[in-house]
PDB file of all heavy atoms in Angstrom:
ATOM      1  N   VAL A   1     118.178   4.851-102.568  1.00  0.00           N
ATOM      2  CA  VAL A   1     118.002   3.415-102.757  1.00  0.00           C
ATOM      3  C   VAL A   1     118.325   3.014-104.205  1.00  0.00           C
ATOM      4  O   VAL A   1     118.916   1.960-104.446  1.00  0.00           O
ATOM      5  CB  VAL A   1     116.563   2.985-102.377  1.00  0.00           C
ATOM      6  CG1 VAL A   1     116.279   1.565-102.789  1.00  0.00           C
ATOM      7  CG2 VAL A   1     116.355   3.142-100.874  1.00  0.00           C
ATOM      8  N   ALA A   2     117.978   3.862-105.154  1.00  0.00           N
ATOM      9  CA  ALA A   2     118.177   3.527-106.564  1.00  0.00           C
ATOM     10  C   ALA A   2     119.641   3.632-106.997  1.00  0.00           C
ATOM     11  O   ALA A   2     120.087   2.878-107.857  1.00  0.00           O
ATOM     12  CB  ALA A   2     117.315   4.440-107.435  1.00  0.00           C
ATOM     13  N   ARG A   3     120.397   4.561-106.425  1.00  0.00           N
ATOM     14  CA  ARG A   3     121.777   4.786-106.854  1.00  0.00           C
ATOM     15  C   ARG A   3     122.737   4.870-105.666  1.00  0.00           C
ATOM     16  O   ARG A   3     123.369   5.913-105.444  1.00  0.00           O
ATOM     17  CB  ARG A   3     121.863   6.068-107.646  1.00  0.00           C
ATOM     18  CG  ARG A   3     120.937   6.079-108.839  1.00  0.00           C
ATOM     19  CD  ARG A   3     121.539   6.830-109.934  1.00  0.00           C
ATOM     20  NE  ARG A   3     120.636   6.826-111.067  1.00  0.00           N
ATOM     21  CZ  ARG A   3     121.035   6.489-112.258  1.00  0.00           C
ATOM     22  NH1 ARG A   3     122.264   6.148-112.465  1.00  0.00           N
ATOM     23  NH2 ARG A   3     120.196   6.500-113.261  1.00  0.00           N
ATOM     24  N   PRO A   4     122.899   3.806-104.900  1.00  0.00           N
ATOM     25  CA  PRO A   4     123.779   3.876-103.730  1.00  0.00           C
ATOM     26  C   PRO A   4     125.253   4.047-104.094  1.00  0.00           C
ATOM     27  O   PRO A   4     125.989   4.738-103.383  1.00  0.00           O
ATOM     28  CB  PRO A   4     123.544   2.551-103.012  1.00  0.00           C
ATOM     29  CG  PRO A   4     123.042   1.629-104.052  1.00  0.00           C
ATOM     30  CD  PRO A   4     122.284   2.485-105.021  1.00  0.00           C
ATOM     31  N   GLY A   5     125.692   3.465-105.194  1.00  0.00           N
ATOM     32  CA  GLY A   5     127.094   3.597-105.590  1.00  0.00           C
ATOM     33  C   GLY A   5     127.459   5.023-105.951  1.00  0.00           C
ATOM     34  O   GLY A   5     128.524   5.528-105.576  1.00  0.00           O
ATOM     35  N   ARG A   6     126.567   5.672-106.659  1.00  0.00           N
ATOM     36  CA  ARG A   6     126.805   7.069-107.063  1.00  0.00           C
ATOM     37  C   ARG A   6     126.836   7.995-105.848  1.00  0.00           C
ATOM     38  O   ARG A   6     127.685   8.883-105.747  1.00  0.00           O
ATOM     39  CB  ARG A   6     125.705   7.486-108.027  1.00  0.00           C
ATOM     40  CG  ARG A   6     125.851   8.856-108.576  1.00  0.00           C
ATOM     41  CD  ARG A   6     124.775   9.120-109.606  1.00  0.00           C
ATOM     42  NE  ARG A   6     124.851  10.492-110.065  1.00  0.00           N
ATOM     43  CZ  ARG A   6     123.980  11.041-110.862  1.00  0.00           C
ATOM     44  NH1 ARG A   6     122.979  10.343-111.312  1.00  0.00           N
ATOM     45  NH2 ARG A   6     124.100  12.303-111.234  1.00  0.00           N
ATOM     46  N   VAL A   7     125.939   7.769-104.906  1.00  0.00           N
ATOM     47  CA  VAL A   7     125.891   8.594-103.699  1.00  0.00           C
ATOM     48  C   VAL A   7     127.136   8.357-102.850  1.00  0.00           C
ATOM     49  O   VAL A   7     127.737   9.299-102.320  1.00  0.00           O
ATOM     50  CB  VAL A   7     124.601   8.313-102.891  1.00  0.00           C
ATOM     51  CG1 VAL A   7     124.622   9.031-101.558  1.00  0.00           C
ATOM     52  CG2 VAL A   7     123.385   8.714-103.704  1.00  0.00           C
ATOM     53  N   SER A   8     127.551   7.102-102.708  1.00  0.00           N
ATOM     54  CA  SER A   8     128.756   6.787-101.930  1.00  0.00           C
ATOM     55  C   SER A   8     129.981   7.462-102.522  1.00  0.00           C
ATOM     56  O   SER A   8     130.816   8.002-101.800  1.00  0.00           O
ATOM     57  CB  SER A   8     128.977   5.278-101.890  1.00  0.00           C
ATOM     58  OG  SER A   8     127.945   4.634-101.217  1.00  0.00           O
ATOM     59  N   LYS A   9     130.083   7.433-103.839  1.00  0.00           N
ATOM     60  CA  LYS A   9     131.224   8.067-104.510  1.00  0.00           C
ATOM     61  C   LYS A   9     131.195   9.582-104.317  1.00  0.00           C
ATOM     62  O   LYS A   9     132.231  10.206-104.086  1.00  0.00           O
ATOM     63  CB  LYS A   9     131.192   7.713-105.994  1.00  0.00           C
ATOM     64  CG  LYS A   9     132.432   8.074-106.727  1.00  0.00           C
ATOM     65  CD  LYS A   9     132.382   7.533-108.143  1.00  0.00           C
ATOM     66  CE  LYS A   9     133.707   7.743-108.835  1.00  0.00           C
ATOM     67  NZ  LYS A   9     133.696   7.206-110.185  1.00  0.00           N
ATOM     68  N   ALA A  10     130.021  10.174-104.396  1.00  0.00           N
ATOM     69  CA  ALA A  10     129.908  11.622-104.200  1.00  0.00           C
ATOM     70  C   ALA A  10     130.267  12.015-102.770  1.00  0.00           C
ATOM     71  O   ALA A  10     130.945  13.026-102.549  1.00  0.00           O
ATOM     72  CB  ALA A  10     128.490  12.079-104.528  1.00  0.00           C
ATOM     73  N   LEU A  11     129.856  11.213-101.803  1.00  0.00           N
ATOM     74  CA  LEU A  11     130.214  11.493-100.410  1.00  0.00           C
ATOM     75  C   LEU A  11     131.716  11.360-100.186  1.00  0.00           C
ATOM     76  O   LEU A  11     132.328  12.166 -99.479  1.00  0.00           O
ATOM     77  CB  LEU A  11     129.452  10.556 -99.466  1.00  0.00           C
ATOM     78  CG  LEU A  11     127.983  10.846 -99.286  1.00  0.00           C
ATOM     79  CD1 LEU A  11     127.316   9.733 -98.476  1.00  0.00           C
ATOM     80  CD2 LEU A  11     127.778  12.180 -98.595  1.00  0.00           C
ATOM     81  N   MET A  12     132.312  10.349-100.790  1.00  0.00           N
ATOM     82  CA  MET A  12     133.755  10.166-100.649  1.00  0.00           C
ATOM     83  C   MET A  12     134.502  11.358-101.248  1.00  0.00           C
ATOM     84  O   MET A  12     135.446  11.878-100.665  1.00  0.00           O
ATOM     85  CB  MET A  12     134.184   8.874-101.334  1.00  0.00           C
ATOM     86  CG  MET A  12     135.652   8.576-101.156  1.00  0.00           C
ATOM     87  SD  MET A  12     136.157   7.037-101.930  1.00  0.00           S
ATOM     88  CE  MET A  12     136.151   7.514-103.647  1.00  0.00           C
ATOM     89  N   THR A  13     134.068  11.815-102.410  1.00  0.00           N
ATOM     90  CA  THR A  13     134.703  12.968-103.044  1.00  0.00           C
ATOM     91  C   THR A  13     134.539  14.225-102.196  1.00  0.00           C
ATOM     92  O   THR A  13     135.481  15.008-102.045  1.00  0.00           O
ATOM     93  CB  THR A  13     134.088  13.199-104.439  1.00  0.00           C
ATOM     94  OG1 THR A  13     134.236  12.007-105.202  1.00  0.00           O
ATOM     95  CG2 THR A  13     134.756  14.353-105.148  1.00  0.00           C
ATOM     96  N   PHE A  14     133.353  14.409-101.615  1.00  0.00           N
ATOM     97  CA  PHE A  14     133.093  15.588-100.794  1.00  0.00           C
ATOM     98  C   PHE A  14     133.968  15.589 -99.541  1.00  0.00           C
ATOM     99  O   PHE A  14     134.616  16.581 -99.225  1.00  0.00           O
ATOM    100  CB  PHE A  14     131.613  15.626-100.406  1.00  0.00           C
ATOM    101  CG  PHE A  14     131.266  16.741 -99.472  1.00  0.00           C
ATOM    102  CD1 PHE A  14     131.140  18.036 -99.937  1.00  0.00           C
ATOM    103  CD2 PHE A  14     131.060  16.504 -98.122  1.00  0.00           C
ATOM    104  CE1 PHE A  14     130.827  19.080 -99.085  1.00  0.00           C
ATOM    105  CE2 PHE A  14     130.742  17.529 -97.265  1.00  0.00           C
ATOM    106  CZ  PHE A  14     130.622  18.821 -97.740  1.00  0.00           C
ATOM    107  N   TYR A  15     133.993  14.471 -98.834  1.00  0.00           N
ATOM    108  CA  TYR A  15     134.722  14.435 -97.570  1.00  0.00           C
ATOM    109  C   TYR A  15     136.229  14.325 -97.748  1.00  0.00           C
ATOM    110  O   TYR A  15     136.983  14.612 -96.832  1.00  0.00           O
ATOM    111  CB  TYR A  15     134.221  13.293 -96.690  1.00  0.00           C
ATOM    112  CG  TYR A  15     132.920  13.631 -96.015  1.00  0.00           C
ATOM    113  CD1 TYR A  15     131.754  12.952 -96.319  1.00  0.00           C
ATOM    114  CD2 TYR A  15     132.858  14.650 -95.075  1.00  0.00           C
ATOM    115  CE1 TYR A  15     130.553  13.281 -95.707  1.00  0.00           C
ATOM    116  CE2 TYR A  15     131.675  14.987 -94.467  1.00  0.00           C
ATOM    117  CZ  TYR A  15     130.531  14.295 -94.788  1.00  0.00           C
ATOM    118  OH  TYR A  15     129.359  14.631 -94.189  1.00  0.00           O
ATOM    119  N   SER A  16     136.699  13.918 -98.909  1.00  0.00           N
ATOM    120  CA  SER A  16     138.145  13.796 -99.109  1.00  0.00           C
ATOM    121  C   SER A  16     138.838  15.152 -99.164  1.00  0.00           C
ATOM    122  O   SER A  16     140.060  15.215 -99.087  1.00  0.00           O
ATOM    123  CB  SER A  16     138.434  13.014-100.386  1.00  0.00           C
ATOM    124  OG  SER A  16     138.024  13.751-101.522  1.00  0.00           O
ATOM    125  N   LYS A  17     138.084  16.225 -99.272  1.00  0.00           N
ATOM    126  CA  LYS A  17     138.671  17.557 -99.348  1.00  0.00           C
ATOM    127  C   LYS A  17     138.960  18.178 -97.981  1.00  0.00           C
ATOM    128  O   LYS A  17     139.600  19.210 -97.893  1.00  0.00           O
ATOM    129  CB  LYS A  17     137.755  18.480-100.152  1.00  0.00           C
ATOM    130  CG  LYS A  17     137.633  18.022-101.591  1.00  0.00           C
ATOM    131  CD  LYS A  17     136.679  18.846-102.380  1.00  0.00           C
ATOM    132  CE  LYS A  17     136.586  18.262-103.780  1.00  0.00           C
ATOM    133  NZ  LYS A  17     135.549  18.843-104.570  1.00  0.00           N
ATOM    134  N   TYR A  18     138.495  17.533 -96.911  1.00  0.00           N
ATOM    135  CA  TYR A  18     138.770  18.040 -95.573  1.00  0.00           C
ATOM    136  C   TYR A  18     140.175  17.643 -95.152  1.00  0.00           C
ATOM    137  O   TYR A  18     140.608  16.514 -95.387  1.00  0.00           O
ATOM    138  CB  TYR A  18     137.749  17.498 -94.569  1.00  0.00           C
ATOM    139  CG  TYR A  18     136.406  18.157 -94.671  1.00  0.00           C
ATOM    140  CD1 TYR A  18     135.367  17.557 -95.368  1.00  0.00           C
ATOM    141  CD2 TYR A  18     136.183  19.393 -94.084  1.00  0.00           C
ATOM    142  CE1 TYR A  18     134.135  18.164 -95.472  1.00  0.00           C
ATOM    143  CE2 TYR A  18     134.956  20.014 -94.186  1.00  0.00           C
ATOM    144  CZ  TYR A  18     133.940  19.397 -94.881  1.00  0.00           C
ATOM    145  OH  TYR A  18     132.729  20.012 -94.988  1.00  0.00           O
ATOM    146  N   PRO A  19     140.917  18.563 -94.501  1.00  0.00           N
ATOM    147  CA  PRO A  19     142.325  18.269 -94.159  1.00  0.00           C
ATOM    148  C   PRO A  19     142.514  17.048 -93.254  1.00  0.00           C
ATOM    149  O   PRO A  19     143.407  16.243 -93.497  1.00  0.00           O
ATOM    150  CB  PRO A  19     142.795  19.536 -93.449  1.00  0.00           C
ATOM    151  CG  PRO A  19     141.847  20.594 -93.873  1.00  0.00           C
ATOM    152  CD  PRO A  19     140.550  19.918 -94.165  1.00  0.00           C
ATOM    153  N   LEU A  20     141.717  16.902 -92.227  1.00  0.00           N
ATOM    154  CA  LEU A  20     141.912  15.781 -91.310  1.00  0.00           C
ATOM    155  C   LEU A  20     141.568  14.442 -91.938  1.00  0.00           C
ATOM    156  O   LEU A  20     142.138  13.412 -91.583  1.00  0.00           O
ATOM    157  CB  LEU A  20     141.072  15.972 -90.044  1.00  0.00           C
ATOM    158  CG  LEU A  20     141.569  17.059 -89.090  1.00  0.00           C
ATOM    159  CD1 LEU A  20     140.622  17.212 -87.926  1.00  0.00           C
ATOM    160  CD2 LEU A  20     142.959  16.731 -88.596  1.00  0.00           C
ATOM    161  N   VAL A  21     140.674  14.450 -92.890  1.00  0.00           N
ATOM    162  CA  VAL A  21     140.256  13.206 -93.523  1.00  0.00           C
ATOM    163  C   VAL A  21     141.355  12.674 -94.430  1.00  0.00           C
ATOM    164  O   VAL A  21     141.435  11.481 -94.692  1.00  0.00           O
ATOM    165  CB  VAL A  21     138.929  13.422 -94.287  1.00  0.00           C
ATOM    166  CG1 VAL A  21     138.502  12.183 -95.032  1.00  0.00           C
ATOM    167  CG2 VAL A  21     137.843  13.856 -93.330  1.00  0.00           C
ATOM    168  N   ARG A  22     142.232  13.534 -94.876  1.00  0.00           N
ATOM    169  CA  ARG A  22     143.324  13.088 -95.740  1.00  0.00           C
ATOM    170  C   ARG A  22     144.206  12.066 -95.059  1.00  0.00           C
ATOM    171  O   ARG A  22     144.862  11.258 -95.706  1.00  0.00           O
ATOM    172  CB  ARG A  22     144.166  14.278 -96.190  1.00  0.00           C
ATOM    173  CG  ARG A  22     143.433  15.178 -97.135  1.00  0.00           C
ATOM    174  CD  ARG A  22     144.342  16.270 -97.656  1.00  0.00           C
ATOM    175  NE  ARG A  22     143.528  17.284 -98.316  1.00  0.00           N
ATOM    176  CZ  ARG A  22     143.778  18.567 -98.272  1.00  0.00           C
ATOM    177  NH1 ARG A  22     144.820  19.018 -97.607  1.00  0.00           N
ATOM    178  NH2 ARG A  22     142.998  19.419 -98.889  1.00  0.00           N
ATOM    179  N   TYR A  23     144.272  12.102 -93.730  1.00  0.00           N
ATOM    180  CA  TYR A  23     145.101  11.156 -92.983  1.00  0.00           C
ATOM    181  C   TYR A  23     144.416   9.807 -92.807  1.00  0.00           C
ATOM    182  O   TYR A  23     145.045   8.850 -92.369  1.00  0.00           O
ATOM    183  CB  TYR A  23     145.463  11.731 -91.613  1.00  0.00           C
ATOM    184  CG  TYR A  23     146.301  12.976 -91.716  1.00  0.00           C
ATOM    185  CD1 TYR A  23     145.804  14.206 -91.318  1.00  0.00           C
ATOM    186  CD2 TYR A  23     147.595  12.939 -92.235  1.00  0.00           C
ATOM    187  CE1 TYR A  23     146.566  15.360 -91.419  1.00  0.00           C
ATOM    188  CE2 TYR A  23     148.364  14.078 -92.340  1.00  0.00           C
ATOM    189  CZ  TYR A  23     147.835  15.284 -91.929  1.00  0.00           C
ATOM    190  OH  TYR A  23     148.596  16.408 -92.032  1.00  0.00           O
ATOM    191  N   ALA A  24     143.159   9.722 -93.117  1.00  0.00           N
ATOM    192  CA  ALA A  24     142.429   8.454 -92.981  1.00  0.00           C
ATOM    193  C   ALA A  24     142.847   7.506 -94.097  1.00  0.00           C
ATOM    194  O   ALA A  24     143.253   7.922 -95.180  1.00  0.00           O
ATOM    195  CB  ALA A  24     140.924   8.692 -93.043  1.00  0.00           C
ATOM    196  N   GLY A  25     142.713   6.246 -93.824  1.00  0.00           N
ATOM    197  CA  GLY A  25     143.028   5.247 -94.841  1.00  0.00           C
ATOM    198  C   GLY A  25     141.987   5.255 -95.948  1.00  0.00           C
ATOM    199  O   GLY A  25     140.880   5.761 -95.790  1.00  0.00           O
ATOM    200  N   GLU A  26     142.334   4.687 -97.066  1.00  0.00           N
ATOM    201  CA  GLU A  26     141.421   4.644 -98.211  1.00  0.00           C
ATOM    202  C   GLU A  26     140.146   3.888 -97.879  1.00  0.00           C
ATOM    203  O   GLU A  26     139.069   4.265 -98.295  1.00  0.00           O
ATOM    204  CB  GLU A  26     142.139   3.902 -99.337  1.00  0.00           C
ATOM    205  CG  GLU A  26     142.306   4.514-100.694  1.00  0.00           C
ATOM    206  CD  GLU A  26     141.691   5.833-101.023  1.00  0.00           C
ATOM    207  OE1 GLU A  26     142.319   6.861-100.831  1.00  0.00           O
ATOM    208  OE2 GLU A  26     140.567   5.821-101.531  1.00  0.00           O
ATOM    209  N   ARG A  27     140.275   2.826 -97.108  1.00  0.00           N
ATOM    210  CA  ARG A  27     139.108   2.000 -96.779  1.00  0.00           C
ATOM    211  C   ARG A  27     138.120   2.755 -95.888  1.00  0.00           C
ATOM    212  O   ARG A  27     136.919   2.512 -95.951  1.00  0.00           O
ATOM    213  CB  ARG A  27     139.570   0.714 -96.100  1.00  0.00           C
ATOM    214  CG  ARG A  27     138.461  -0.232 -95.789  1.00  0.00           C
ATOM    215  CD  ARG A  27     138.988  -1.655 -95.638  1.00  0.00           C
ATOM    216  NE  ARG A  27     138.054  -2.529 -94.986  1.00  0.00           N
ATOM    217  CZ  ARG A  27     137.002  -3.061 -95.581  1.00  0.00           C
ATOM    218  NH1 ARG A  27     136.762  -2.796 -96.838  1.00  0.00           N
ATOM    219  NH2 ARG A  27     136.198  -3.870 -94.929  1.00  0.00           N
ATOM    220  N   GLN A  28     138.615   3.665 -95.068  1.00  0.00           N
ATOM    221  CA  GLN A  28     137.723   4.415 -94.180  1.00  0.00           C
ATOM    222  C   GLN A  28     136.852   5.396 -94.943  1.00  0.00           C
ATOM    223  O   GLN A  28     135.792   5.777 -94.472  1.00  0.00           O
ATOM    224  CB  GLN A  28     138.534   5.157 -93.122  1.00  0.00           C
ATOM    225  CG  GLN A  28     139.126   4.236 -92.081  1.00  0.00           C
ATOM    226  CD  GLN A  28     139.923   5.010 -91.057  1.00  0.00           C
ATOM    227  OE1 GLN A  28     140.556   6.007 -91.385  1.00  0.00           O
ATOM    228  NE2 GLN A  28     139.882   4.560 -89.826  1.00  0.00           N
ATOM    229  N   LEU A  29     137.288   5.817 -96.100  1.00  0.00           N
ATOM    230  CA  LEU A  29     136.524   6.804 -96.860  1.00  0.00           C
ATOM    231  C   LEU A  29     135.510   6.172 -97.807  1.00  0.00           C
ATOM    232  O   LEU A  29     134.656   6.868 -98.330  1.00  0.00           O
ATOM    233  CB  LEU A  29     137.472   7.680 -97.685  1.00  0.00           C
ATOM    234  CG  LEU A  29     138.047   8.876 -96.961  1.00  0.00           C
ATOM    235  CD1 LEU A  29     138.945   9.663 -97.897  1.00  0.00           C
ATOM    236  CD2 LEU A  29     136.974   9.760 -96.419  1.00  0.00           C
ATOM    237  N   THR A  30     135.612   4.894 -98.031  1.00  0.00           N
ATOM    238  CA  THR A  30     134.668   4.282 -98.963  1.00  0.00           C
ATOM    239  C   THR A  30     133.297   4.167 -98.313  1.00  0.00           C
ATOM    240  O   THR A  30     133.171   3.739 -97.174  1.00  0.00           O
ATOM    241  CB  THR A  30     135.145   2.880 -99.402  1.00  0.00           C
ATOM    242  OG1 THR A  30     135.324   2.074 -98.247  1.00  0.00           O
ATOM    243  CG2 THR A  30     136.429   2.958-100.182  1.00  0.00           C
ATOM    244  N   GLY A  31     132.305   4.597 -99.033  1.00  0.00           N
ATOM    245  CA  GLY A  31     130.937   4.506 -98.532  1.00  0.00           C
ATOM    246  C   GLY A  31     130.394   3.109 -98.728  1.00  0.00           C
ATOM    247  O   GLY A  31     130.618   2.476 -99.760  1.00  0.00           O
ATOM    248  N   ARG A  32     129.716   2.616 -97.750  1.00  0.00           N
ATOM    249  CA  ARG A  32     129.121   1.287 -97.863  1.00  0.00           C
ATOM    250  C   ARG A  32     127.744   1.419 -98.492  1.00  0.00           C
ATOM    251  O   ARG A  32     126.901   2.181 -98.014  1.00  0.00           O
ATOM    252  CB  ARG A  32     128.998   0.634 -96.489  1.00  0.00           C
ATOM    253  CG  ARG A  32     130.264   0.567 -95.663  1.00  0.00           C
ATOM    254  CD  ARG A  32     131.333  -0.275 -96.366  1.00  0.00           C
ATOM    255  NE  ARG A  32     132.467  -0.575 -95.510  1.00  0.00           N
ATOM    256  CZ  ARG A  32     133.512   0.221 -95.363  1.00  0.00           C
ATOM    257  NH1 ARG A  32     133.549   1.380 -95.966  1.00  0.00           N
ATOM    258  NH2 ARG A  32     134.520  -0.141 -94.595  1.00  0.00           N
ATOM    259  N   ASN A  33     127.533   0.718 -99.571  1.00  0.00           N
ATOM    260  CA  ASN A  33     126.260   0.805-100.273  1.00  0.00           C
ATOM    261  C   ASN A  33     125.098   0.391 -99.378  1.00  0.00           C
ATOM    262  O   ASN A  33     124.010   0.953 -99.473  1.00  0.00           O
ATOM    263  CB  ASN A  33     126.288  -0.057-101.529  1.00  0.00           C
ATOM    264  CG  ASN A  33     127.162   0.544-102.605  1.00  0.00           C
ATOM    265  OD1 ASN A  33     127.535   1.698-102.541  1.00  0.00           O
ATOM    266  ND2 ASN A  33     127.497  -0.241-103.597  1.00  0.00           N
ATOM    267  N   ALA A  34     125.323  -0.573 -98.495  1.00  0.00           N
ATOM    268  CA  ALA A  34     124.245  -1.023 -97.604  1.00  0.00           C
ATOM    269  C   ALA A  34     123.806   0.104 -96.662  1.00  0.00           C
ATOM    270  O   ALA A  34     122.616   0.246 -96.377  1.00  0.00           O
ATOM    271  CB  ALA A  34     124.693  -2.237 -96.800  1.00  0.00           C
ATOM    272  N   PHE A  35     124.765   0.913 -96.206  1.00  0.00           N
ATOM    273  CA  PHE A  35     124.411   2.036 -95.331  1.00  0.00           C
ATOM    274  C   PHE A  35     123.619   3.096 -96.088  1.00  0.00           C
ATOM    275  O   PHE A  35     122.689   3.693 -95.548  1.00  0.00           O
ATOM    276  CB  PHE A  35     125.659   2.663 -94.710  1.00  0.00           C
ATOM    277  CG  PHE A  35     126.365   1.778 -93.730  1.00  0.00           C
ATOM    278  CD1 PHE A  35     127.733   1.794 -93.627  1.00  0.00           C
ATOM    279  CD2 PHE A  35     125.654   0.922 -92.902  1.00  0.00           C
ATOM    280  CE1 PHE A  35     128.396   0.983 -92.725  1.00  0.00           C
ATOM    281  CE2 PHE A  35     126.294   0.108 -92.000  1.00  0.00           C
ATOM    282  CZ  PHE A  35     127.674   0.136 -91.905  1.00  0.00           C
ATOM    283  N   VAL A  36     123.991   3.343 -97.321  1.00  0.00           N
ATOM    284  CA  VAL A  36     123.277   4.330 -98.141  1.00  0.00           C
ATOM    285  C   VAL A  36     121.855   3.847 -98.419  1.00  0.00           C
ATOM    286  O   VAL A  36     120.897   4.617 -98.320  1.00  0.00           O
ATOM    287  CB  VAL A  36     124.046   4.620 -99.448  1.00  0.00           C
ATOM    288  CG1 VAL A  36     123.246   5.540-100.349  1.00  0.00           C
ATOM    289  CG2 VAL A  36     125.408   5.218 -99.139  1.00  0.00           C
ATOM    290  N   VAL A  37     121.711   2.566 -98.724  1.00  0.00           N
ATOM    291  CA  VAL A  37     120.378   2.002 -98.963  1.00  0.00           C
ATOM    292  C   VAL A  37     119.547   2.058 -97.684  1.00  0.00           C
ATOM    293  O   VAL A  37     118.357   2.401 -97.719  1.00  0.00           O
ATOM    294  CB  VAL A  37     120.484   0.554 -99.492  1.00  0.00           C
ATOM    295  CG1 VAL A  37     119.132  -0.132 -99.500  1.00  0.00           C
ATOM    296  CG2 VAL A  37     121.090   0.542-100.885  1.00  0.00           C
ATOM    297  N   ALA A  38     120.170   1.738 -96.542  1.00  0.00           N
ATOM    298  CA  ALA A  38     119.453   1.796 -95.265  1.00  0.00           C
ATOM    299  C   ALA A  38     118.988   3.219 -94.964  1.00  0.00           C
ATOM    300  O   ALA A  38     117.850   3.433 -94.513  1.00  0.00           O
ATOM    301  CB  ALA A  38     120.332   1.270 -94.136  1.00  0.00           C
ATOM    302  N   LEU A  39     119.844   4.202 -95.220  1.00  0.00           N
ATOM    303  CA  LEU A  39     119.445   5.598 -95.020  1.00  0.00           C
ATOM    304  C   LEU A  39     118.293   5.962 -95.951  1.00  0.00           C
ATOM    305  O   LEU A  39     117.349   6.651 -95.545  1.00  0.00           O
ATOM    306  CB  LEU A  39     120.632   6.530 -95.257  1.00  0.00           C
ATOM    307  CG  LEU A  39     120.349   8.022 -95.158  1.00  0.00           C
ATOM    308  CD1 LEU A  39     119.860   8.386 -93.766  1.00  0.00           C
ATOM    309  CD2 LEU A  39     121.575   8.822 -95.524  1.00  0.00           C
ATOM    310  N   GLY A  40     118.345   5.492 -97.184  1.00  0.00           N
ATOM    311  CA  GLY A  40     117.258   5.758 -98.125  1.00  0.00           C
ATOM    312  C   GLY A  40     115.944   5.157 -97.659  1.00  0.00           C
ATOM    313  O   GLY A  40     114.891   5.790 -97.747  1.00  0.00           O
ATOM    314  N   ILE A  41     115.991   3.932 -97.129  1.00  0.00           N
ATOM    315  CA  ILE A  41     114.777   3.290 -96.624  1.00  0.00           C
ATOM    316  C   ILE A  41     114.219   4.058 -95.425  1.00  0.00           C
ATOM    317  O   ILE A  41     113.009   4.256 -95.319  1.00  0.00           O
ATOM    318  CB  ILE A  41     115.064   1.816 -96.276  1.00  0.00           C
ATOM    319  CG1 ILE A  41     115.313   1.027 -97.565  1.00  0.00           C
ATOM    320  CG2 ILE A  41     113.917   1.197 -95.485  1.00  0.00           C
ATOM    321  CD1 ILE A  41     115.828  -0.370 -97.348  1.00  0.00           C
ATOM    322  N   VAL A  42     115.107   4.505 -94.549  1.00  0.00           N
ATOM    323  CA  VAL A  42     114.661   5.300 -93.393  1.00  0.00           C
ATOM    324  C   VAL A  42     113.996   6.589 -93.859  1.00  0.00           C
ATOM    325  O   VAL A  42     112.955   6.995 -93.326  1.00  0.00           O
ATOM    326  CB  VAL A  42     115.850   5.588 -92.446  1.00  0.00           C
ATOM    327  CG1 VAL A  42     115.497   6.647 -91.426  1.00  0.00           C
ATOM    328  CG2 VAL A  42     116.289   4.305 -91.756  1.00  0.00           C
ATOM    329  N   LEU A  43     114.562   7.240 -94.871  1.00  0.00           N
ATOM    330  CA  LEU A  43     113.959   8.471 -95.383  1.00  0.00           C
ATOM    331  C   LEU A  43     112.608   8.207 -96.029  1.00  0.00           C
ATOM    332  O   LEU A  43     111.665   9.001 -95.866  1.00  0.00           O
ATOM    333  CB  LEU A  43     114.901   9.147 -96.377  1.00  0.00           C
ATOM    334  CG  LEU A  43     116.132   9.817 -95.783  1.00  0.00           C
ATOM    335  CD1 LEU A  43     117.036  10.333 -96.891  1.00  0.00           C
ATOM    336  CD2 LEU A  43     115.751  10.919 -94.841  1.00  0.00           C
ATOM    337  N   ILE A  44     112.494   7.111 -96.756  1.00  0.00           N
ATOM    338  CA  ILE A  44     111.209   6.780 -97.379  1.00  0.00           C
ATOM    339  C   ILE A  44     110.148   6.534 -96.311  1.00  0.00           C
ATOM    340  O   ILE A  44     109.027   7.055 -96.406  1.00  0.00           O
ATOM    341  CB  ILE A  44     111.358   5.550 -98.304  1.00  0.00           C
ATOM    342  CG1 ILE A  44     112.193   5.916 -99.524  1.00  0.00           C
ATOM    343  CG2 ILE A  44     109.999   5.026 -98.738  1.00  0.00           C
ATOM    344  CD1 ILE A  44     112.610   4.722-100.368  1.00  0.00           C
ATOM    345  N   VAL A  45     110.489   5.754 -95.313  1.00  0.00           N
ATOM    346  CA  VAL A  45     109.519   5.459 -94.243  1.00  0.00           C
ATOM    347  C   VAL A  45     109.150   6.738 -93.493  1.00  0.00           C
ATOM    348  O   VAL A  45     107.976   6.983 -93.205  1.00  0.00           O
ATOM    349  CB  VAL A  45     110.082   4.386 -93.290  1.00  0.00           C
ATOM    350  CG1 VAL A  45     109.220   4.242 -92.045  1.00  0.00           C
ATOM    351  CG2 VAL A  45     110.199   3.051 -94.002  1.00  0.00           C
ATOM    352  N   THR A  46     110.145   7.578 -93.193  1.00  0.00           N
ATOM    353  CA  THR A  46     109.872   8.835 -92.493  1.00  0.00           C
ATOM    354  C   THR A  46     108.961   9.733 -93.326  1.00  0.00           C
ATOM    355  O   THR A  46     108.008  10.336 -92.796  1.00  0.00           O
ATOM    356  CB  THR A  46     111.180   9.571 -92.188  1.00  0.00           C
ATOM    357  OG1 THR A  46     112.020   8.718 -91.424  1.00  0.00           O
ATOM    358  CG2 THR A  46     110.939  10.851 -91.430  1.00  0.00           C
TER     359      THR A  46
END
């Protein structure tokens, strides 16, 4: 929740190294900050 941009960038860097993901468009690899924040809220509640 505190650093969604940093987490999104790290996920994009991690997944960009897979061969099949290289064929995906740039927009498909960008992490949405709202999804990262939502995942963080779910983890906090859990």
